[in-house]
């Protein structure tokens, strides 16, 4: 399957990241307002997870289906009634343990995507549920995650 026609960033809470983890990173839901973006998703697109609160990047996945609607309650929205109905099937690529998440405060300012904001306000780039990233940003994040994972296996030997 070709990788990365579109490079997505899913912004999610730690609780909802854990839901996706518990599903084996086989399914990802997006908020109701993200219908148009979710419908643009195609097999071969890729996603990186940004986890709010901890300000970290935790995983990359490949999209394996077109977007579809499903209202089974899996993910939670703080304070709003949103069942994340716009969904895609996914396959895990690089998944970090929670204590290994990439620190967005360190890597975020190096991302091309955040240059749209004044330097002191780059965290504003991570508001909202779903964003399209430049290929270079996705590759930077995935490369950094792969370094963490390869270090994890080297340390275990």
C-alpha atoms as a PDB file:
ATOM      1  CA  UNK A   1       0.000   0.000   0.000  1.00  0.00           C
ATOM      2  CA  UNK A   2       1.504   3.386  -0.904  1.00  0.00           C
ATOM      3  CA  UNK A   3       2.307   5.538   2.100  1.00  0.00           C
ATOM      4  CA  UNK A   4       1.229   9.047   2.759  1.00  0.00           C
ATOM      5  CA  UNK A   5      -0.853  10.704   0.135  1.00  0.00           C
ATOM      6  CA  UNK A   6      -1.950  12.982   2.983  1.00  0.00           C
ATOM      7  CA  UNK A   7      -0.215  13.415   6.335  1.00  0.00           C
ATOM      8  CA  UNK A   8      -2.643  13.916   9.217  1.00  0.00           C
ATOM      9  CA  UNK A   9      -2.222  14.914  12.847  1.00  0.00           C
ATOM     10  CA  UNK A  10      -4.934  13.732  15.255  1.00  0.00           C
ATOM     11  CA  UNK A  11      -5.093  15.842  18.409  1.00  0.00           C
ATOM     12  CA  UNK A  12      -6.492  13.790  21.265  1.00  0.00           C
ATOM     13  CA  UNK A  13      -6.579  13.481  25.036  1.00  0.00           C
ATOM     14  CA  UNK A  14      -4.501  10.873  26.836  1.00  0.00           C
ATOM     15  CA  UNK A  15      -7.736   9.057  27.741  1.00  0.00           C
ATOM     16  CA  UNK A  16      -8.795   8.857  24.080  1.00  0.00           C
ATOM     17  CA  UNK A  17      -5.272   7.851  22.983  1.00  0.00           C
ATOM     18  CA  UNK A  18      -5.587   4.966  25.436  1.00  0.00           C
ATOM     19  CA  UNK A  19      -8.913   3.988  23.817  1.00  0.00           C
ATOM     20  CA  UNK A  20      -7.236   3.830  20.388  1.00  0.00           C
ATOM     21  CA  UNK A  21      -4.366   1.859  21.988  1.00  0.00           C
ATOM     22  CA  UNK A  22      -6.850  -0.605  23.553  1.00  0.00           C
ATOM     23  CA  UNK A  23      -8.336  -1.143  20.080  1.00  0.00           C
ATOM     24  CA  UNK A  24      -4.858  -2.103  18.844  1.00  0.00           C
ATOM     25  CA  UNK A  25      -4.744   1.053  16.705  1.00  0.00           C
ATOM     26  CA  UNK A  26      -7.215  -0.555  14.294  1.00  0.00           C
ATOM     27  CA  UNK A  27      -9.818   2.236  14.403  1.00  0.00           C
ATOM     28  CA  UNK A  28      -9.757   6.016  14.873  1.00  0.00           C
ATOM     29  CA  UNK A  29     -12.710   8.344  15.336  1.00  0.00           C
ATOM     30  CA  UNK A  30     -12.857  12.075  14.659  1.00  0.00           C
ATOM     31  CA  UNK A  31     -15.229  14.664  16.078  1.00  0.00           C
ATOM     32  CA  UNK A  32     -18.524  15.527  14.382  1.00  0.00           C
ATOM     33  CA  UNK A  33     -17.166  18.800  13.004  1.00  0.00           C
ATOM     34  CA  UNK A  34     -14.367  16.918  11.187  1.00  0.00           C
ATOM     35  CA  UNK A  35     -16.709  15.193   8.702  1.00  0.00           C
ATOM     36  CA  UNK A  36     -15.209  16.814   5.595  1.00  0.00           C
ATOM     37  CA  UNK A  37     -11.634  16.010   6.546  1.00  0.00           C
ATOM     38  CA  UNK A  38     -12.511  12.451   7.561  1.00  0.00           C
ATOM     39  CA  UNK A  39     -14.249  11.926   4.226  1.00  0.00           C
ATOM     40  CA  UNK A  40     -11.037  13.001   2.464  1.00  0.00           C
ATOM     41  CA  UNK A  41      -9.038  10.246   4.138  1.00  0.00           C
ATOM     42  CA  UNK A  42      -7.883   7.438   1.867  1.00  0.00           C
ATOM     43  CA  UNK A  43      -6.076   4.141   2.360  1.00  0.00           C
ATOM     44  CA  UNK A  44      -2.353   4.891   2.418  1.00  0.00           C
ATOM     45  CA  UNK A  45      -2.720   8.218   4.235  1.00  0.00           C
ATOM     46  CA  UNK A  46      -0.814   8.385   7.514  1.00  0.00           C
ATOM     47  CA  UNK A  47      -1.521   9.926  10.925  1.00  0.00           C
ATOM     48  CA  UNK A  48       0.513  11.026  13.891  1.00  0.00           C
ATOM     49  CA  UNK A  49      -1.057  11.335  17.343  1.00  0.00           C
ATOM     50  CA  UNK A  50      -0.553  14.503  19.387  1.00  0.00           C
ATOM     51  CA  UNK A  51      -1.679  14.016  22.991  1.00  0.00           C
ATOM     52  CA  UNK A  52      -2.979  17.120  24.746  1.00  0.00           C
ATOM     53  CA  UNK A  53      -2.255  17.694  28.413  1.00  0.00           C
ATOM     54  CA  UNK A  54       1.062  15.839  28.244  1.00  0.00           C
ATOM     55  CA  UNK A  55       2.023  17.741  25.058  1.00  0.00           C
ATOM     56  CA  UNK A  56       3.514  14.701  23.393  1.00  0.00           C
ATOM     57  CA  UNK A  57       3.518  12.720  20.174  1.00  0.00           C
ATOM     58  CA  UNK A  58       2.728   9.056  20.774  1.00  0.00           C
ATOM     59  CA  UNK A  59       2.191   7.033  17.615  1.00  0.00           C
ATOM     60  CA  UNK A  60       1.970   6.898  13.856  1.00  0.00           C
ATOM     61  CA  UNK A  61      -0.537   4.806  11.932  1.00  0.00           C
ATOM     62  CA  UNK A  62      -1.521   4.146   8.329  1.00  0.00           C
ATOM     63  CA  UNK A  63      -5.119   4.626   7.223  1.00  0.00           C
ATOM     64  CA  UNK A  64      -6.510   1.404   5.720  1.00  0.00           C
ATOM     65  CA  UNK A  65     -10.068   2.457   4.787  1.00  0.00           C
ATOM     66  CA  UNK A  66     -12.046   5.375   3.495  1.00  0.00           C
ATOM     67  CA  UNK A  67     -13.827   7.474   6.115  1.00  0.00           C
ATOM     68  CA  UNK A  68     -17.166   6.130   7.371  1.00  0.00           C
ATOM     69  CA  UNK A  69     -19.792   7.001   9.962  1.00  0.00           C
ATOM     70  CA  UNK A  70     -20.258   4.965  13.153  1.00  0.00           C
ATOM     71  CA  UNK A  71     -21.881   6.158  16.367  1.00  0.00           C
ATOM     72  CA  UNK A  72     -20.781   3.382  18.760  1.00  0.00           C
ATOM     73  CA  UNK A  73     -19.506   5.220  21.857  1.00  0.00           C
ATOM     74  CA  UNK A  74     -15.766   4.571  22.161  1.00  0.00           C
ATOM     75  CA  UNK A  75     -14.031   7.935  22.608  1.00  0.00           C
ATOM     76  CA  UNK A  76     -15.100  10.644  25.064  1.00  0.00           C
ATOM     77  CA  UNK A  77     -15.331  14.382  24.614  1.00  0.00           C
ATOM     78  CA  UNK A  78     -14.787  16.513  27.686  1.00  0.00           C
ATOM     79  CA  UNK A  79     -17.992  18.393  28.392  1.00  0.00           C
ATOM     80  CA  UNK A  80     -19.654  17.948  24.995  1.00  0.00           C
ATOM     81  CA  UNK A  81     -21.867  15.247  23.556  1.00  0.00           C
ATOM     82  CA  UNK A  82     -19.693  14.062  20.662  1.00  0.00           C
ATOM     83  CA  UNK A  83     -19.334  10.372  19.836  1.00  0.00           C
ATOM     84  CA  UNK A  84     -16.507  10.843  17.293  1.00  0.00           C
ATOM     85  CA  UNK A  85     -18.694   9.483  14.485  1.00  0.00           C
ATOM     86  CA  UNK A  86     -16.285   9.975  11.556  1.00  0.00           C
ATOM     87  CA  UNK A  87     -13.963   7.018  11.543  1.00  0.00           C
ATOM     88  CA  UNK A  88     -11.278   5.237   9.587  1.00  0.00           C
ATOM     89  CA  UNK A  89      -9.684   1.840   9.943  1.00  0.00           C
ATOM     90  CA  UNK A  90      -5.982   2.094  10.712  1.00  0.00           C
ATOM     91  CA  UNK A  91      -2.840  -0.008  11.139  1.00  0.00           C
ATOM     92  CA  UNK A  92      -0.147   0.847  13.724  1.00  0.00           C
ATOM     93  CA  UNK A  93       3.306   1.807  12.474  1.00  0.00           C
ATOM     94  CA  UNK A  94       5.309   3.261  15.398  1.00  0.00           C
ATOM     95  CA  UNK A  95       3.778   3.260  18.895  1.00  0.00           C
ATOM     96  CA  UNK A  96       5.548   4.698  21.932  1.00  0.00           C
ATOM     97  CA  UNK A  97       4.939   3.841  25.573  1.00  0.00           C
ATOM     98  CA  UNK A  98       3.490   6.805  27.492  1.00  0.00           C
ATOM     99  CA  UNK A  99       6.787   7.570  29.245  1.00  0.00           C
ATOM    100  CA  UNK A 100       8.482   7.715  25.815  1.00  0.00           C
ATOM    101  CA  UNK A 101       6.210  10.239  24.085  1.00  0.00           C
ATOM    102  CA  UNK A 102       8.110  12.842  22.083  1.00  0.00           C
ATOM    103  CA  UNK A 103       8.020  16.149  23.946  1.00  0.00           C
ATOM    104  CA  UNK A 104       6.185  18.624  21.718  1.00  0.00           C
ATOM    105  CA  UNK A 105       7.791  21.521  23.586  1.00  0.00           C
ATOM    106  CA  UNK A 106      11.140  20.360  22.194  1.00  0.00           C
ATOM    107  CA  UNK A 107      10.194  19.128  18.726  1.00  0.00           C
ATOM    108  CA  UNK A 108       7.212  21.404  17.977  1.00  0.00           C
ATOM    109  CA  UNK A 109       9.251  24.551  17.269  1.00  0.00           C
ATOM    110  CA  UNK A 110      11.235  22.567  14.645  1.00  0.00           C
ATOM    111  CA  UNK A 111       8.076  21.733  12.678  1.00  0.00           C
ATOM    112  CA  UNK A 112       7.294  23.559   9.450  1.00  0.00           C
ATOM    113  CA  UNK A 113       3.557  23.464  10.261  1.00  0.00           C
ATOM    114  CA  UNK A 114       3.894  25.694  13.341  1.00  0.00           C
ATOM    115  CA  UNK A 115       5.623  28.494  11.412  1.00  0.00           C
ATOM    116  CA  UNK A 116       2.186  29.918  10.564  1.00  0.00           C
ATOM    117  CA  UNK A 117       2.023  31.178  14.163  1.00  0.00           C
ATOM    118  CA  UNK A 118       4.278  33.679  15.942  1.00  0.00           C
ATOM    119  CA  UNK A 119       7.193  31.774  17.563  1.00  0.00           C
ATOM    120  CA  UNK A 120       5.951  32.344  21.107  1.00  0.00           C
ATOM    121  CA  UNK A 121       2.484  31.051  20.151  1.00  0.00           C
ATOM    122  CA  UNK A 122       3.422  27.867  18.253  1.00  0.00           C
ATOM    123  CA  UNK A 123       1.321  25.646  20.605  1.00  0.00           C
ATOM    124  CA  UNK A 124      -1.784  27.192  19.000  1.00  0.00           C
ATOM    125  CA  UNK A 125      -1.012  24.933  16.011  1.00  0.00           C
ATOM    126  CA  UNK A 126      -2.242  21.999  18.090  1.00  0.00           C
ATOM    127  CA  UNK A 127      -5.763  23.268  18.818  1.00  0.00           C
ATOM    128  CA  UNK A 128      -8.585  21.368  17.120  1.00  0.00           C
ATOM    129  CA  UNK A 129      -8.980  17.656  16.431  1.00  0.00           C
ATOM    130  CA  UNK A 130      -7.536  17.057  12.970  1.00  0.00           C
ATOM    131  CA  UNK A 131      -4.855  18.802  10.901  1.00  0.00           C
ATOM    132  CA  UNK A 132      -2.969  18.214   7.665  1.00  0.00           C
ATOM    133  CA  UNK A 133       0.796  18.314   8.140  1.00  0.00           C
ATOM    134  CA  UNK A 134       3.594  18.826   5.637  1.00  0.00           C
ATOM    135  CA  UNK A 135       5.288  15.562   4.670  1.00  0.00           C
ATOM    136  CA  UNK A 136       8.560  16.807   6.198  1.00  0.00           C
ATOM    137  CA  UNK A 137       6.919  17.245   9.636  1.00  0.00           C
ATOM    138  CA  UNK A 138       5.392  13.781   9.592  1.00  0.00           C
ATOM    139  CA  UNK A 139       8.712  12.260   8.542  1.00  0.00           C
ATOM    140  CA  UNK A 140      10.559  14.172  11.289  1.00  0.00           C
ATOM    141  CA  UNK A 141       8.134  12.945  13.957  1.00  0.00           C
ATOM    142  CA  UNK A 142       8.114   9.345  12.739  1.00  0.00           C
ATOM    143  CA  UNK A 143      11.914   9.299  12.458  1.00  0.00           C
ATOM    144  CA  UNK A 144      12.238  10.575  16.041  1.00  0.00           C
ATOM    145  CA  UNK A 145       9.741   7.926  17.225  1.00  0.00           C
ATOM    146  CA  UNK A 146      11.649   5.174  15.416  1.00  0.00           C
ATOM    147  CA  UNK A 147      14.834   6.316  17.172  1.00  0.00           C
ATOM    148  CA  UNK A 148      13.063   5.952  20.534  1.00  0.00           C
ATOM    149  CA  UNK A 149      11.735   2.486  19.643  1.00  0.00           C
ATOM    150  CA  UNK A 150      15.085   1.248  18.341  1.00  0.00           C
ATOM    151  CA  UNK A 151      16.724   2.527  21.539  1.00  0.00           C
ATOM    152  CA  UNK A 152      14.113   0.650  23.582  1.00  0.00           C
ATOM    153  CA  UNK A 153      15.017  -2.627  21.862  1.00  0.00           C
ATOM    154  CA  UNK A 154      18.758  -1.979  22.104  1.00  0.00           C
ATOM    155  CA  UNK A 155      18.453  -1.332  25.855  1.00  0.00           C
ATOM    156  CA  UNK A 156      16.515  -4.588  26.329  1.00  0.00           C
ATOM    157  CA  UNK A 157      19.376  -6.740  24.949  1.00  0.00           C
END
